[in-house]
N, C-alpha and C. Protein backbone atom coordinates (compact mmCIF):
# COMPACT_ATOMS: atom_id res chain seq x y z
N MET A 1 95.10 72.22 111.56
CA MET A 1 96.30 72.88 110.61
C MET A 1 95.72 73.42 109.21
N PRO A 2 95.44 74.45 108.92
CA PRO A 2 94.79 74.70 107.60
C PRO A 2 95.48 74.00 106.40
N ASN A 3 94.75 73.73 105.37
CA ASN A 3 95.34 73.01 104.08
C ASN A 3 96.14 74.06 103.39
N GLU A 4 96.42 73.47 102.18
CA GLU A 4 97.36 74.53 101.41
C GLU A 4 96.63 75.53 100.56
N GLU A 5 95.54 75.06 100.61
CA GLU A 5 94.66 75.98 99.68
C GLU A 5 93.89 77.03 100.43
N GLU A 6 93.65 77.05 101.66
CA GLU A 6 93.34 77.97 102.39
C GLU A 6 94.23 79.04 102.65
N VAL A 7 95.51 78.73 102.92
CA VAL A 7 96.65 79.40 103.38
C VAL A 7 97.05 80.30 101.91
N SER A 8 96.89 79.64 100.75
CA SER A 8 97.30 80.30 99.40
C SER A 8 96.12 81.45 99.19
N ASN A 9 95.00 81.36 99.77
CA ASN A 9 94.38 82.48 99.39
C ASN A 9 94.33 83.67 100.15
N LEU A 10 95.17 83.59 101.15
CA LEU A 10 95.13 84.82 101.89
C LEU A 10 96.27 86.27 101.35
N PHE A 11 95.66 87.08 101.81
CA PHE A 11 96.57 88.39 101.27
C PHE A 11 97.70 88.24 102.38
N ARG A 12 99.10 88.52 101.69
CA ARG A 12 100.27 88.54 102.78
C ARG A 12 100.99 90.06 102.34
N LEU A 13 101.58 90.50 103.49
CA LEU A 13 102.31 91.73 103.38
C LEU A 13 103.65 91.42 103.93
N TRP A 14 104.38 91.63 102.83
CA TRP A 14 106.09 91.30 102.85
C TRP A 14 106.85 92.26 102.91
N HIS A 15 107.73 92.28 103.98
CA HIS A 15 108.94 93.05 104.04
C HIS A 15 109.74 92.98 102.90
N VAL A 16 110.17 93.74 101.76
CA VAL A 16 111.01 93.62 100.90
C VAL A 16 112.42 94.31 100.68
N GLY A 17 113.32 93.88 100.35
CA GLY A 17 114.73 94.52 100.45
C GLY A 17 114.78 95.53 99.22
N GLY A 18 116.33 96.08 99.19
CA GLY A 18 116.37 97.06 98.26
C GLY A 18 116.36 96.84 96.62
N ASP A 19 116.56 95.64 96.52
CA ASP A 19 116.23 94.74 95.15
C ASP A 19 114.86 94.34 94.91
N ARG A 20 113.81 94.66 95.79
CA ARG A 20 112.56 93.96 95.71
C ARG A 20 112.50 92.58 95.94
N GLU A 21 113.67 91.95 96.73
CA GLU A 21 113.61 90.62 96.98
C GLU A 21 112.44 90.40 98.53
N PHE A 22 111.87 89.44 98.33
CA PHE A 22 110.87 89.06 99.46
C PHE A 22 111.96 88.69 100.78
N VAL A 23 112.07 89.45 101.74
CA VAL A 23 112.58 89.04 102.94
C VAL A 23 111.89 88.14 104.14
N ALA A 24 110.57 88.76 104.48
CA ALA A 24 109.69 88.00 105.26
C ALA A 24 108.64 88.37 105.35
N ILE A 25 107.46 87.55 105.67
CA ILE A 25 106.02 87.88 105.89
C ILE A 25 106.18 88.74 107.06
N VAL A 26 105.16 89.85 106.87
CA VAL A 26 104.89 90.57 107.83
C VAL A 26 103.47 90.55 108.59
N ALA A 27 102.61 89.98 107.75
CA ALA A 27 101.19 90.09 108.17
C ALA A 27 100.36 89.17 106.97
N GLU A 28 99.30 88.39 107.57
CA GLU A 28 98.50 87.64 106.58
C GLU A 28 97.01 88.03 107.01
N ALA A 29 96.19 88.20 105.93
CA ALA A 29 94.62 88.40 106.10
C ALA A 29 93.81 87.88 104.95
N GLU A 30 92.42 88.08 105.20
CA GLU A 30 91.52 87.47 104.56
C GLU A 30 91.29 88.42 103.50
N THR A 31 91.18 89.74 103.47
CA THR A 31 91.04 90.67 102.74
C THR A 31 91.97 91.71 102.46
N LEU A 32 91.97 92.51 101.36
CA LEU A 32 92.86 93.85 101.21
C LEU A 32 92.69 94.85 101.94
N GLU A 33 91.51 94.90 102.40
CA GLU A 33 91.27 96.21 103.39
C GLU A 33 92.19 95.59 105.03
N GLU A 34 91.98 94.56 105.23
CA GLU A 34 92.70 94.24 106.60
C GLU A 34 94.13 94.30 106.24
N ILE A 35 94.65 93.70 105.05
CA ILE A 35 96.09 93.95 104.92
C ILE A 35 96.91 95.19 105.25
N ARG A 36 95.92 96.18 104.64
CA ARG A 36 96.03 97.79 104.38
C ARG A 36 96.36 98.26 105.87
N LYS A 37 95.49 97.82 106.48
CA LYS A 37 95.33 98.41 107.94
C LYS A 37 96.66 97.87 109.00
N VAL A 38 97.37 97.25 108.26
CA VAL A 38 98.41 96.85 109.18
C VAL A 38 99.26 97.74 109.28
N LYS A 39 100.09 98.04 110.56
CA LYS A 39 100.97 99.11 111.01
C LYS A 39 102.33 98.71 110.51
N ARG A 40 103.00 99.68 109.65
CA ARG A 40 104.35 99.42 108.89
C ARG A 40 105.20 100.63 109.69
N ARG A 41 106.44 99.93 109.54
CA ARG A 41 107.77 100.55 109.83
C ARG A 41 107.78 101.62 108.72
N PRO A 42 108.38 103.04 108.92
CA PRO A 42 108.55 103.74 108.16
C PRO A 42 109.86 103.53 107.07
N ASP A 43 110.53 102.80 107.84
CA ASP A 43 112.00 102.77 107.15
C ASP A 43 112.20 101.25 106.36
N TRP A 44 110.96 100.73 106.30
CA TRP A 44 111.02 99.12 105.24
C TRP A 44 110.11 99.64 104.03
N ARG A 45 110.36 98.53 103.28
CA ARG A 45 109.82 98.66 102.01
C ARG A 45 108.79 97.44 102.24
N TYR A 46 107.57 97.56 101.50
CA TYR A 46 106.58 96.77 101.64
C TYR A 46 105.89 96.16 100.00
N GLN A 47 105.53 94.66 100.28
CA GLN A 47 104.77 94.46 98.76
C GLN A 47 103.77 93.48 99.62
N ILE A 48 102.42 93.36 98.89
CA ILE A 48 101.53 92.58 99.09
C ILE A 48 101.15 91.58 97.92
N THR A 49 100.80 90.17 98.30
CA THR A 49 100.81 89.42 97.49
C THR A 49 99.39 88.86 97.83
N HIS A 50 98.79 88.55 96.71
CA HIS A 50 97.50 87.54 96.82
C HIS A 50 97.60 86.39 95.84
N ARG A 51 97.53 84.99 96.58
CA ARG A 51 97.78 83.58 95.86
C ARG A 51 99.24 83.76 95.48
N GLY A 52 100.33 84.49 96.17
CA GLY A 52 101.46 84.43 95.63
C GLY A 52 102.02 85.57 94.29
N THR A 53 100.80 86.06 94.20
CA THR A 53 101.11 87.16 92.76
C THR A 53 101.08 88.65 93.55
N PRO A 54 102.26 89.22 93.45
CA PRO A 54 102.43 90.70 93.96
C PRO A 54 101.12 91.48 93.30
N ILE A 55 101.00 92.32 94.21
CA ILE A 55 99.47 93.08 93.69
C ILE A 55 99.84 94.83 94.08
N ASP A 56 99.11 95.55 93.20
CA ASP A 56 99.11 97.17 93.34
C ASP A 56 98.26 97.19 94.63
N GLU A 57 98.82 98.11 95.59
CA GLU A 57 98.10 98.26 96.84
C GLU A 57 96.85 98.89 96.87
N ALA A 58 97.19 99.87 95.67
CA ALA A 58 95.91 100.94 95.68
C ALA A 58 94.83 100.35 94.67
N THR A 59 95.04 99.60 93.80
CA THR A 59 94.11 98.81 93.16
C THR A 59 93.41 97.53 93.45
N GLY A 60 94.67 96.89 93.95
CA GLY A 60 94.36 95.32 94.38
C GLY A 60 94.35 94.27 93.07
N TYR A 61 94.59 95.07 91.81
CA TYR A 61 95.33 94.52 90.66
C TYR A 61 96.56 93.73 90.41
N PRO A 62 96.95 92.56 89.94
CA PRO A 62 98.35 91.95 89.97
C PRO A 62 99.14 93.16 88.84
N ILE A 63 100.61 92.92 89.33
CA ILE A 63 101.46 93.57 89.03
C ILE A 63 102.09 92.92 88.01
N LEU A 64 102.36 93.58 86.66
CA LEU A 64 103.11 92.80 85.78
C LEU A 64 104.37 92.51 86.30
N THR A 65 104.69 90.88 86.15
CA THR A 65 106.08 90.66 86.85
C THR A 65 107.03 90.34 85.65
N LEU A 66 106.46 90.16 84.35
CA LEU A 66 106.99 89.64 83.46
C LEU A 66 107.07 90.68 82.16
N PRO A 67 108.27 91.03 81.41
CA PRO A 67 107.92 92.15 80.33
C PRO A 67 106.93 91.60 79.20
N GLY A 68 105.96 92.19 78.98
CA GLY A 68 104.97 91.64 77.90
C GLY A 68 104.04 90.80 78.58
N GLN A 69 103.87 90.43 79.87
CA GLN A 69 103.12 89.38 80.47
C GLN A 69 101.40 89.70 80.09
N ASP A 70 100.74 89.28 79.66
CA ASP A 70 99.28 89.35 79.29
C ASP A 70 98.39 88.91 80.40
N LEU A 71 97.96 89.31 81.43
CA LEU A 71 97.41 89.16 82.59
C LEU A 71 95.78 88.80 82.32
N THR A 72 95.50 89.11 80.97
CA THR A 72 94.40 89.14 80.47
C THR A 72 94.14 87.47 79.81
N ALA A 73 95.30 86.73 79.53
CA ALA A 73 95.28 85.60 78.60
C ALA A 73 94.94 84.18 79.66
N LYS A 74 94.16 83.46 79.19
CA LYS A 74 93.57 82.44 79.96
C LYS A 74 94.92 81.22 79.85
N GLU A 75 95.15 80.80 80.95
CA GLU A 75 96.20 79.87 81.25
C GLU A 75 95.73 78.37 80.96
């Protein structure tokens, strides 16, 4: 059984609802390129996450999830 850290490093493709709520995990992969190749239903909306953070599929960069959030700030 993989440990928690190994699982958290995966890219996940999520089926999302109309209000962008996460419905279910569709697929997991180790790279963004692999997750982009997953076949998708045309009538569903999707979101990719990496380590639990939503990312932009085209760029692979995190999506701003909070108004005014500074992604360059050190945590």
